[in-house]
PDB file of all heavy atoms in Angstrom:
ATOM      1  N   LEU A   1     -33.585  43.255  53.095  1.00  0.00           N
ATOM      2  CA  LEU A   1     -33.552  43.625  54.504  1.00  0.00           C
ATOM      3  C   LEU A   1     -33.625  42.377  55.384  1.00  0.00           C
ATOM      4  O   LEU A   1     -34.391  41.475  55.117  1.00  0.00           O
ATOM      5  CB  LEU A   1     -34.788  44.507  54.820  1.00  0.00           C
ATOM      6  CG  LEU A   1     -34.933  44.923  56.294  1.00  0.00           C
ATOM      7  CD1 LEU A   1     -35.345  46.386  56.359  1.00  0.00           C
ATOM      8  CD2 LEU A   1     -35.983  44.091  56.984  1.00  0.00           C
ATOM      9  N   VAL A   2     -32.732  42.368  56.400  1.00  0.00           N
ATOM     10  CA  VAL A   2     -32.803  41.333  57.448  1.00  0.00           C
ATOM     11  C   VAL A   2     -33.148  42.046  58.744  1.00  0.00           C
ATOM     12  O   VAL A   2     -32.424  42.942  59.172  1.00  0.00           O
ATOM     13  CB  VAL A   2     -31.495  40.553  57.555  1.00  0.00           C
ATOM     14  CG1 VAL A   2     -31.577  39.572  58.757  1.00  0.00           C
ATOM     15  CG2 VAL A   2     -31.161  39.795  56.285  1.00  0.00           C
ATOM     16  N   ALA A   3     -34.254  41.652  59.358  1.00  0.00           N
ATOM     17  CA  ALA A   3     -34.638  42.164  60.665  1.00  0.00           C
ATOM     18  C   ALA A   3     -34.180  41.205  61.728  1.00  0.00           C
ATOM     19  O   ALA A   3     -34.591  40.040  61.704  1.00  0.00           O
ATOM     20  CB  ALA A   3     -36.162  42.353  60.715  1.00  0.00           C
ATOM     21  N   VAL A   4     -33.289  41.625  62.589  1.00  0.00           N
ATOM     22  CA  VAL A   4     -32.793  40.804  63.689  1.00  0.00           C
ATOM     23  C   VAL A   4     -33.597  41.149  64.952  1.00  0.00           C
ATOM     24  O   VAL A   4     -33.727  42.324  65.291  1.00  0.00           O
ATOM     25  CB  VAL A   4     -31.266  40.922  63.905  1.00  0.00           C
ATOM     26  CG1 VAL A   4     -30.517  40.322  62.736  1.00  0.00           C
ATOM     27  CG2 VAL A   4     -30.836  42.364  64.117  1.00  0.00           C
ATOM     28  N   SER A   5     -34.139  40.121  65.586  1.00  0.00           N
ATOM     29  CA  SER A   5     -35.066  40.347  66.688  1.00  0.00           C
ATOM     30  C   SER A   5     -34.372  40.368  68.042  1.00  0.00           C
ATOM     31  O   SER A   5     -33.603  39.487  68.382  1.00  0.00           O
ATOM     32  CB  SER A   5     -36.135  39.212  66.642  1.00  0.00           C
ATOM     33  OG  SER A   5     -37.011  39.387  67.740  1.00  0.00           O
ATOM     34  N   PHE A   6     -34.718  41.416  68.815  1.00  0.00           N
ATOM     35  CA  PHE A   6     -34.315  41.547  70.194  1.00  0.00           C
ATOM     36  C   PHE A   6     -35.570  41.454  71.047  1.00  0.00           C
ATOM     37  O   PHE A   6     -36.200  42.466  71.341  1.00  0.00           O
ATOM     38  CB  PHE A   6     -33.635  42.917  70.441  1.00  0.00           C
ATOM     39  CG  PHE A   6     -32.276  43.086  69.818  1.00  0.00           C
ATOM     40  CD1 PHE A   6     -32.146  43.473  68.507  1.00  0.00           C
ATOM     41  CD2 PHE A   6     -31.139  42.811  70.553  1.00  0.00           C
ATOM     42  CE1 PHE A   6     -30.881  43.612  67.949  1.00  0.00           C
ATOM     43  CE2 PHE A   6     -29.860  42.950  69.999  1.00  0.00           C
ATOM     44  CZ  PHE A   6     -29.747  43.346  68.683  1.00  0.00           C
ATOM     45  N   PRO A   7     -36.012  40.241  71.422  1.00  0.00           N
ATOM     46  CA  PRO A   7     -37.271  40.088  72.146  1.00  0.00           C
ATOM     47  C   PRO A   7     -37.178  40.679  73.594  1.00  0.00           C
ATOM     48  O   PRO A   7     -38.217  41.025  74.149  1.00  0.00           O
ATOM     49  CB  PRO A   7     -37.510  38.605  72.180  1.00  0.00           C
ATOM     50  CG  PRO A   7     -36.173  37.986  71.994  1.00  0.00           C
ATOM     51  CD  PRO A   7     -35.388  38.942  71.135  1.00  0.00           C
ATOM     52  N   ALA A   8     -35.987  40.765  74.126  1.00  0.00           N
ATOM     53  CA  ALA A   8     -35.771  41.332  75.445  1.00  0.00           C
ATOM     54  C   ALA A   8     -34.416  41.988  75.451  1.00  0.00           C
ATOM     55  O   ALA A   8     -33.519  41.566  74.761  1.00  0.00           O
ATOM     56  CB  ALA A   8     -35.836  40.237  76.529  1.00  0.00           C
ATOM     57  N   PHE A   9     -34.246  43.035  76.273  1.00  0.00           N
ATOM     58  CA  PHE A   9     -32.987  43.784  76.288  1.00  0.00           C
ATOM     59  C   PHE A   9     -31.780  42.887  76.663  1.00  0.00           C
ATOM     60  O   PHE A   9     -30.654  43.170  76.289  1.00  0.00           O
ATOM     61  CB  PHE A   9     -33.066  45.011  77.194  1.00  0.00           C
ATOM     62  CG  PHE A   9     -32.919  44.684  78.659  1.00  0.00           C
ATOM     63  CD1 PHE A   9     -31.668  44.726  79.240  1.00  0.00           C
ATOM     64  CD2 PHE A   9     -34.004  44.330  79.426  1.00  0.00           C
ATOM     65  CE1 PHE A   9     -31.540  44.432  80.586  1.00  0.00           C
ATOM     66  CE2 PHE A   9     -33.864  44.011  80.746  1.00  0.00           C
ATOM     67  CZ  PHE A   9     -32.611  44.078  81.344  1.00  0.00           C
ATOM     68  N   ASN A  10     -32.034  41.831  77.415  1.00  0.00           N
ATOM     69  CA  ASN A  10     -30.924  40.974  77.867  1.00  0.00           C
ATOM     70  C   ASN A  10     -30.652  39.785  76.981  1.00  0.00           C
ATOM     71  O   ASN A  10     -29.896  38.924  77.320  1.00  0.00           O
ATOM     72  CB  ASN A  10     -31.157  40.540  79.295  1.00  0.00           C
ATOM     73  CG  ASN A  10     -32.400  39.704  79.471  1.00  0.00           C
ATOM     74  OD1 ASN A  10     -33.198  39.592  78.546  1.00  0.00           O
ATOM     75  ND2 ASN A  10     -32.591  39.139  80.650  1.00  0.00           N
ATOM     76  N   ASP A  11     -31.304  39.730  75.789  1.00  0.00           N
ATOM     77  CA  ASP A  11     -31.044  38.661  74.830  1.00  0.00           C
ATOM     78  C   ASP A  11     -30.223  39.227  73.687  1.00  0.00           C
ATOM     79  O   ASP A  11     -30.760  39.941  72.817  1.00  0.00           O
ATOM     80  CB  ASP A  11     -32.355  38.096  74.305  1.00  0.00           C
ATOM     81  CG  ASP A  11     -32.154  36.848  73.458  1.00  0.00           C
ATOM     82  OD1 ASP A  11     -31.042  36.644  72.951  1.00  0.00           O
ATOM     83  OD2 ASP A  11     -33.103  36.052  73.322  1.00  0.00           O
ATOM     84  N   GLY A  12     -28.939  38.984  73.704  1.00  0.00           N
ATOM     85  CA  GLY A  12     -28.017  39.606  72.744  1.00  0.00           C
ATOM     86  C   GLY A  12     -27.685  38.768  71.537  1.00  0.00           C
ATOM     87  O   GLY A  12     -26.774  39.120  70.796  1.00  0.00           O
ATOM     88  N   ARG A  13     -28.399  37.693  71.290  1.00  0.00           N
ATOM     89  CA  ARG A  13     -28.069  36.848  70.149  1.00  0.00           C
ATOM     90  C   ARG A  13     -28.163  37.577  68.791  1.00  0.00           C
ATOM     91  O   ARG A  13     -27.464  37.255  67.874  1.00  0.00           O
ATOM     92  CB  ARG A  13     -28.914  35.569  70.149  1.00  0.00           C
ATOM     93  CG  ARG A  13     -28.584  34.676  71.327  1.00  0.00           C
ATOM     94  CD  ARG A  13     -29.461  33.450  71.367  1.00  0.00           C
ATOM     95  NE  ARG A  13     -30.751  33.818  71.944  1.00  0.00           N
ATOM     96  CZ  ARG A  13     -31.776  32.984  72.152  1.00  0.00           C
ATOM     97  NH1 ARG A  13     -31.636  31.711  71.791  1.00  0.00           N
ATOM     98  NH2 ARG A  13     -32.894  33.384  72.698  1.00  0.00           N
ATOM     99  N   ALA A  14     -29.037  38.573  68.737  1.00  0.00           N
ATOM    100  CA  ALA A  14     -29.189  39.329  67.473  1.00  0.00           C
ATOM    101  C   ALA A  14     -27.889  40.120  67.181  1.00  0.00           C
ATOM    102  O   ALA A  14     -27.624  40.407  66.006  1.00  0.00           O
ATOM    103  CB  ALA A  14     -30.409  40.254  67.525  1.00  0.00           C
ATOM    104  N   PHE A  15     -27.122  40.517  68.186  1.00  0.00           N
ATOM    105  CA  PHE A  15     -25.839  41.138  67.939  1.00  0.00           C
ATOM    106  C   PHE A  15     -24.956  40.197  67.130  1.00  0.00           C
ATOM    107  O   PHE A  15     -24.286  40.589  66.182  1.00  0.00           O
ATOM    108  CB  PHE A  15     -25.121  41.491  69.248  1.00  0.00           C
ATOM    109  CG  PHE A  15     -25.650  42.668  69.982  1.00  0.00           C
ATOM    110  CD1 PHE A  15     -26.452  42.529  71.104  1.00  0.00           C
ATOM    111  CD2 PHE A  15     -25.319  43.972  69.589  1.00  0.00           C
ATOM    112  CE1 PHE A  15     -26.944  43.627  71.781  1.00  0.00           C
ATOM    113  CE2 PHE A  15     -25.757  45.074  70.279  1.00  0.00           C
ATOM    114  CZ  PHE A  15     -26.591  44.899  71.396  1.00  0.00           C
ATOM    115  N   SER A  16     -24.957  38.921  67.531  1.00  0.00           N
ATOM    116  CA  SER A  16     -24.157  37.907  66.809  1.00  0.00           C
ATOM    117  C   SER A  16     -24.666  37.703  65.439  1.00  0.00           C
ATOM    118  O   SER A  16     -23.904  37.535  64.477  1.00  0.00           O
ATOM    119  CB  SER A  16     -24.150  36.600  67.606  1.00  0.00           C
ATOM    120  OG  SER A  16     -23.568  36.787  68.859  1.00  0.00           O
ATOM    121  N   HIS A  17     -26.009  37.666  65.256  1.00  0.00           N
ATOM    122  CA  HIS A  17     -26.572  37.474  63.925  1.00  0.00           C
ATOM    123  C   HIS A  17     -26.147  38.612  62.999  1.00  0.00           C
ATOM    124  O   HIS A  17     -25.741  38.374  61.864  1.00  0.00           O
ATOM    125  CB  HIS A  17     -28.116  37.440  64.005  1.00  0.00           C
ATOM    126  CG  HIS A  17     -28.690  36.227  64.646  1.00  0.00           C
ATOM    127  ND1 HIS A  17     -28.173  34.948  64.469  1.00  0.00           N
ATOM    128  CD2 HIS A  17     -29.721  36.075  65.526  1.00  0.00           C
ATOM    129  CE1 HIS A  17     -28.879  34.076  65.160  1.00  0.00           C
ATOM    130  NE2 HIS A  17     -29.837  34.742  65.805  1.00  0.00           N
ATOM    131  N   ALA A  18     -26.244  39.850  63.460  1.00  0.00           N
ATOM    132  CA  ALA A  18     -25.863  40.998  62.644  1.00  0.00           C
ATOM    133  C   ALA A  18     -24.381  40.958  62.303  1.00  0.00           C
ATOM    134  O   ALA A  18     -24.003  41.165  61.147  1.00  0.00           O
ATOM    135  CB  ALA A  18     -26.198  42.301  63.374  1.00  0.00           C
ATOM    136  N   SER A  19     -23.551  40.671  63.259  1.00  0.00           N
ATOM    137  CA  SER A  19     -22.121  40.612  63.047  1.00  0.00           C
ATOM    138  C   SER A  19     -21.747  39.500  62.035  1.00  0.00           C
ATOM    139  O   SER A  19     -20.961  39.701  61.156  1.00  0.00           O
ATOM    140  CB  SER A  19     -21.402  40.388  64.376  1.00  0.00           C
ATOM    141  OG  SER A  19     -20.018  40.414  64.172  1.00  0.00           O
ATOM    142  N   LEU A  20     -22.376  38.364  62.179  1.00  0.00           N
ATOM    143  CA  LEU A  20     -22.144  37.238  61.261  1.00  0.00           C
ATOM    144  C   LEU A  20     -22.574  37.603  59.876  1.00  0.00           C
ATOM    145  O   LEU A  20     -21.889  37.322  58.877  1.00  0.00           O
ATOM    146  CB  LEU A  20     -22.887  35.978  61.757  1.00  0.00           C
ATOM    147  CG  LEU A  20     -22.733  34.716  60.946  1.00  0.00           C
ATOM    148  CD1 LEU A  20     -21.272  34.283  60.902  1.00  0.00           C
ATOM    149  CD2 LEU A  20     -23.566  33.605  61.540  1.00  0.00           C
ATOM    150  N   LEU A  21     -23.768  38.234  59.731  1.00  0.00           N
ATOM    151  CA  LEU A  21     -24.234  38.615  58.417  1.00  0.00           C
ATOM    152  C   LEU A  21     -23.227  39.565  57.728  1.00  0.00           C
ATOM    153  O   LEU A  21     -22.925  39.408  56.546  1.00  0.00           O
ATOM    154  CB  LEU A  21     -25.593  39.360  58.532  1.00  0.00           C
ATOM    155  CG  LEU A  21     -26.803  38.484  58.659  1.00  0.00           C
ATOM    156  CD1 LEU A  21     -27.993  39.299  59.160  1.00  0.00           C
ATOM    157  CD2 LEU A  21     -27.124  37.819  57.316  1.00  0.00           C
ATOM    158  N   ARG A  22     -22.724  40.540  58.437  1.00  0.00           N
ATOM    159  CA  ARG A  22     -21.817  41.514  57.884  1.00  0.00           C
ATOM    160  C   ARG A  22     -20.399  40.983  57.671  1.00  0.00           C
ATOM    161  O   ARG A  22     -19.831  41.072  56.581  1.00  0.00           O
ATOM    162  CB  ARG A  22     -21.732  42.765  58.761  1.00  0.00           C
ATOM    163  CG  ARG A  22     -22.999  43.543  58.852  1.00  0.00           C
ATOM    164  CD  ARG A  22     -23.344  44.226  57.546  1.00  0.00           C
ATOM    165  NE  ARG A  22     -24.403  45.185  57.744  1.00  0.00           N
ATOM    166  CZ  ARG A  22     -25.283  45.494  56.818  1.00  0.00           C
ATOM    167  NH1 ARG A  22     -25.236  44.941  55.629  1.00  0.00           N
ATOM    168  NH2 ARG A  22     -26.238  46.367  57.091  1.00  0.00           N
ATOM    169  N   SER A  23     -19.805  40.435  58.734  1.00  0.00           N
ATOM    170  CA  SER A  23     -18.374  40.094  58.711  1.00  0.00           C
ATOM    171  C   SER A  23     -18.074  38.803  57.965  1.00  0.00           C
ATOM    172  O   SER A  23     -17.108  38.752  57.213  1.00  0.00           O
ATOM    173  CB  SER A  23     -17.856  39.960  60.146  1.00  0.00           C
ATOM    174  OG  SER A  23     -17.998  41.180  60.819  1.00  0.00           O
ATOM    175  N   ARG A  24     -18.818  37.789  58.193  1.00  0.00           N
ATOM    176  CA  ARG A  24     -18.511  36.476  57.597  1.00  0.00           C
ATOM    177  C   ARG A  24     -19.290  36.157  56.343  1.00  0.00           C
ATOM    178  O   ARG A  24     -18.773  35.529  55.456  1.00  0.00           O
ATOM    179  CB  ARG A  24     -18.713  35.364  58.621  1.00  0.00           C
ATOM    180  CG  ARG A  24     -17.751  35.473  59.785  1.00  0.00           C
ATOM    181  CD  ARG A  24     -17.809  34.238  60.617  1.00  0.00           C
ATOM    182  NE  ARG A  24     -17.036  34.453  61.825  1.00  0.00           N
ATOM    183  CZ  ARG A  24     -17.187  33.728  62.928  1.00  0.00           C
ATOM    184  NH1 ARG A  24     -18.069  32.738  62.956  1.00  0.00           N
ATOM    185  NH2 ARG A  24     -16.477  33.994  63.989  1.00  0.00           N
ATOM    186  N   LEU A  25     -20.560  36.568  56.315  1.00  0.00           N
ATOM    187  CA  LEU A  25     -21.401  36.246  55.152  1.00  0.00           C
ATOM    188  C   LEU A  25     -21.411  37.334  54.100  1.00  0.00           C
ATOM    189  O   LEU A  25     -21.876  37.109  52.990  1.00  0.00           O
ATOM    190  CB  LEU A  25     -22.826  35.923  55.638  1.00  0.00           C
ATOM    191  CG  LEU A  25     -22.941  34.815  56.686  1.00  0.00           C
ATOM    192  CD1 LEU A  25     -24.377  34.567  57.048  1.00  0.00           C
ATOM    193  CD2 LEU A  25     -22.309  33.502  56.138  1.00  0.00           C
ATOM    194  N   GLY A  26     -20.905  38.514  54.420  1.00  0.00           N
ATOM    195  CA  GLY A  26     -20.800  39.594  53.431  1.00  0.00           C
ATOM    196  C   GLY A  26     -22.112  40.201  53.010  1.00  0.00           C
ATOM    197  O   GLY A  26     -22.193  40.779  51.891  1.00  0.00           O
ATOM    198  N   PHE A  27     -23.132  40.174  53.846  1.00  0.00           N
ATOM    199  CA  PHE A  27     -24.427  40.754  53.479  1.00  0.00           C
ATOM    200  C   PHE A  27     -24.292  42.268  53.365  1.00  0.00           C
ATOM    201  O   PHE A  27     -23.835  42.940  54.266  1.00  0.00           O
ATOM    202  CB  PHE A  27     -25.490  40.382  54.511  1.00  0.00           C
ATOM    203  CG  PHE A  27     -26.844  40.907  54.219  1.00  0.00           C
ATOM    204  CD1 PHE A  27     -27.532  40.514  53.093  1.00  0.00           C
ATOM    205  CD2 PHE A  27     -27.434  41.874  55.053  1.00  0.00           C
ATOM    206  CE1 PHE A  27     -28.805  41.011  52.812  1.00  0.00           C
ATOM    207  CE2 PHE A  27     -28.714  42.355  54.787  1.00  0.00           C
ATOM    208  CZ  PHE A  27     -29.376  41.928  53.663  1.00  0.00           C
ATOM    209  N   LYS A  28     -24.757  42.850  52.239  1.00  0.00           N
ATOM    210  CA  LYS A  28     -24.646  44.263  51.972  1.00  0.00           C
ATOM    211  C   LYS A  28     -25.945  45.027  52.131  1.00  0.00           C
ATOM    212  O   LYS A  28     -25.985  46.238  52.082  1.00  0.00           O
ATOM    213  CB  LYS A  28     -24.115  44.505  50.550  1.00  0.00           C
ATOM    214  CG  LYS A  28     -22.778  43.871  50.274  1.00  0.00           C
ATOM    215  CD  LYS A  28     -21.677  44.532  51.085  1.00  0.00           C
ATOM    216  CE  LYS A  28     -20.323  43.956  50.742  1.00  0.00           C
ATOM    217  NZ  LYS A  28     -19.416  43.899  51.818  1.00  0.00           N
ATOM    218  N   GLY A  29     -27.074  44.296  52.287  1.00  0.00           N
ATOM    219  CA  GLY A  29     -28.379  44.950  52.415  1.00  0.00           C
ATOM    220  C   GLY A  29     -28.564  45.609  53.790  1.00  0.00           C
ATOM    221  O   GLY A  29     -27.634  45.665  54.605  1.00  0.00           O
ATOM    222  N   GLU A  30     -29.782  46.003  54.043  1.00  0.00           N
ATOM    223  CA  GLU A  30     -30.124  46.677  55.301  1.00  0.00           C
ATOM    224  C   GLU A  30     -30.321  45.611  56.413  1.00  0.00           C
ATOM    225  O   GLU A  30     -30.927  44.587  56.194  1.00  0.00           O
ATOM    226  CB  GLU A  30     -31.406  47.454  55.145  1.00  0.00           C
ATOM    227  CG  GLU A  30     -31.837  48.225  56.377  1.00  0.00           C
ATOM    228  CD  GLU A  30     -33.071  49.083  56.147  1.00  0.00           C
ATOM    229  OE1 GLU A  30     -33.471  49.303  55.007  1.00  0.00           O
ATOM    230  OE2 GLU A  30     -33.645  49.538  57.160  1.00  0.00           O
ATOM    231  N   VAL A  31     -29.750  45.882  57.572  1.00  0.00           N
ATOM    232  CA  VAL A  31     -29.974  45.065  58.768  1.00  0.00           C
ATOM    233  C   VAL A  31     -30.712  45.958  59.755  1.00  0.00           C
ATOM    234  O   VAL A  31     -30.216  47.047  60.101  1.00  0.00           O
ATOM    235  CB  VAL A  31     -28.671  44.508  59.380  1.00  0.00           C
ATOM    236  CG1 VAL A  31     -28.976  43.732  60.651  1.00  0.00           C
ATOM    237  CG2 VAL A  31     -27.948  43.627  58.373  1.00  0.00           C
ATOM    238  N   ARG A  32     -31.854  45.485  60.222  1.00  0.00           N
ATOM    239  CA  ARG A  32     -32.708  46.290  61.127  1.00  0.00           C
ATOM    240  C   ARG A  32     -32.890  45.578  62.462  1.00  0.00           C
ATOM    241  O   ARG A  32     -33.193  44.403  62.482  1.00  0.00           O
ATOM    242  CB  ARG A  32     -34.082  46.503  60.474  1.00  0.00           C
ATOM    243  CG  ARG A  32     -35.052  47.229  61.415  1.00  0.00           C
ATOM    244  CD  ARG A  32     -36.345  47.597  60.697  1.00  0.00           C
ATOM    245  NE  ARG A  32     -36.043  48.561  59.640  1.00  0.00           N
ATOM    246  CZ  ARG A  32     -36.925  48.951  58.738  1.00  0.00           C
ATOM    247  NH1 ARG A  32     -38.147  48.480  58.798  1.00  0.00           N
ATOM    248  NH2 ARG A  32     -36.599  49.820  57.833  1.00  0.00           N
ATOM    249  N   ALA A  33     -32.759  46.313  63.548  1.00  0.00           N
ATOM    250  CA  ALA A  33     -33.038  45.791  64.873  1.00  0.00           C
ATOM    251  C   ALA A  33     -34.531  46.002  65.136  1.00  0.00           C
ATOM    252  O   ALA A  33     -35.055  47.111  64.957  1.00  0.00           O
ATOM    253  CB  ALA A  33     -32.214  46.507  65.942  1.00  0.00           C
ATOM    254  N   VAL A  34     -35.205  44.924  65.556  1.00  0.00           N
ATOM    255  CA  VAL A  34     -36.633  45.027  65.927  1.00  0.00           C
ATOM    256  C   VAL A  34     -36.812  44.426  67.306  1.00  0.00           C
ATOM    257  O   VAL A  34     -36.021  43.593  67.746  1.00  0.00           O
ATOM    258  CB  VAL A  34     -37.519  44.293  64.880  1.00  0.00           C
ATOM    259  CG1 VAL A  34     -37.389  44.907  63.513  1.00  0.00           C
ATOM    260  CG2 VAL A  34     -37.223  42.818  64.821  1.00  0.00           C
ATOM    261  N   GLY A  35     -37.839  44.858  68.005  1.00  0.00           N
ATOM    262  CA  GLY A  35     -38.090  44.329  69.338  1.00  0.00           C
ATOM    263  C   GLY A  35     -37.741  45.349  70.409  1.00  0.00           C
ATOM    264  O   GLY A  35     -38.043  46.532  70.284  1.00  0.00           O
ATOM    265  N   ASP A  36     -37.055  44.909  71.446  1.00  0.00           N
ATOM    266  CA  ASP A  36     -36.724  45.748  72.594  1.00  0.00           C
ATOM    267  C   ASP A  36     -35.449  46.514  72.308  1.00  0.00           C
ATOM    268  O   ASP A  36     -34.347  46.136  72.731  1.00  0.00           O
ATOM    269  CB  ASP A  36     -36.600  44.881  73.833  1.00  0.00           C
ATOM    270  CG  ASP A  36     -36.689  45.682  75.132  1.00  0.00           C
ATOM    271  OD1 ASP A  36     -36.992  46.872  75.065  1.00  0.00           O
ATOM    272  OD2 ASP A  36     -36.476  45.093  76.202  1.00  0.00           O
ATOM    273  N   VAL A  37     -35.547  47.594  71.573  1.00  0.00           N
ATOM    274  CA  VAL A  37     -34.402  48.419  71.179  1.00  0.00           C
ATOM    275  C   VAL A  37     -34.260  49.575  72.123  1.00  0.00           C
ATOM    276  O   VAL A  37     -35.137  50.452  72.189  1.00  0.00           O
ATOM    277  CB  VAL A  37     -34.571  48.959  69.718  1.00  0.00           C
ATOM    278  CG1 VAL A  37     -33.407  49.869  69.346  1.00  0.00           C
ATOM    279  CG2 VAL A  37     -34.663  47.801  68.734  1.00  0.00           C
TER     280      VAL A  37
END
Protein backbone atom coordinates (compact mmCIF):
# COMPACT_ATOMS: atom_id res chain seq x y z
CA LEU A 1 0.00 0.00 0.00
CA VAL A 2 1.15 3.52 -0.83
CA ALA A 3 -0.68 6.28 1.04
CA VAL A 4 -0.48 9.59 -0.84
CA SER A 5 -1.00 12.58 1.42
CA PHE A 6 -3.35 15.47 0.70
CA PRO A 7 -2.56 17.83 3.62
CA ALA A 8 -4.88 20.50 2.18
CA PHE A 9 -7.55 20.41 -0.54
CA ASN A 10 -5.53 22.85 -2.68
CA ASP A 11 -2.31 20.78 -2.64
CA GLY A 12 -2.58 18.47 -5.63
CA ARG A 13 0.91 16.97 -5.68
CA ALA A 14 -0.50 13.62 -4.50
CA PHE A 15 -2.46 13.41 -7.78
CA SER A 16 0.90 13.45 -9.57
CA HIS A 17 2.37 10.90 -7.16
CA ALA A 18 -0.52 8.48 -7.77
CA SER A 19 -0.41 8.95 -11.52
CA LEU A 20 3.37 8.44 -11.61
CA LEU A 21 3.09 5.29 -9.48
CA ARG A 22 0.48 3.78 -11.81
CA SER A 23 1.44 5.03 -15.28
CA ARG A 24 5.21 5.21 -15.28
CA LEU A 25 6.36 3.02 -12.40
CA GLY A 26 3.77 0.26 -12.90
CA PHE A 27 2.77 -0.07 -9.23
CA LYS A 28 0.00 -2.68 -8.91
CA GLY A 29 -0.69 -2.47 -5.15
CA GLU A 30 -3.21 -0.30 -3.35
CA VAL A 31 -2.90 3.49 -3.53
CA ARG A 32 -4.76 5.31 -0.76
CA ALA A 33 -5.57 9.01 -0.43
CA VAL A 34 -5.09 10.29 3.12
CA GLY A 35 -5.56 13.75 4.58
CA ASP A 36 -8.03 16.31 3.26
CA VAL A 37 -10.13 14.04 1.01
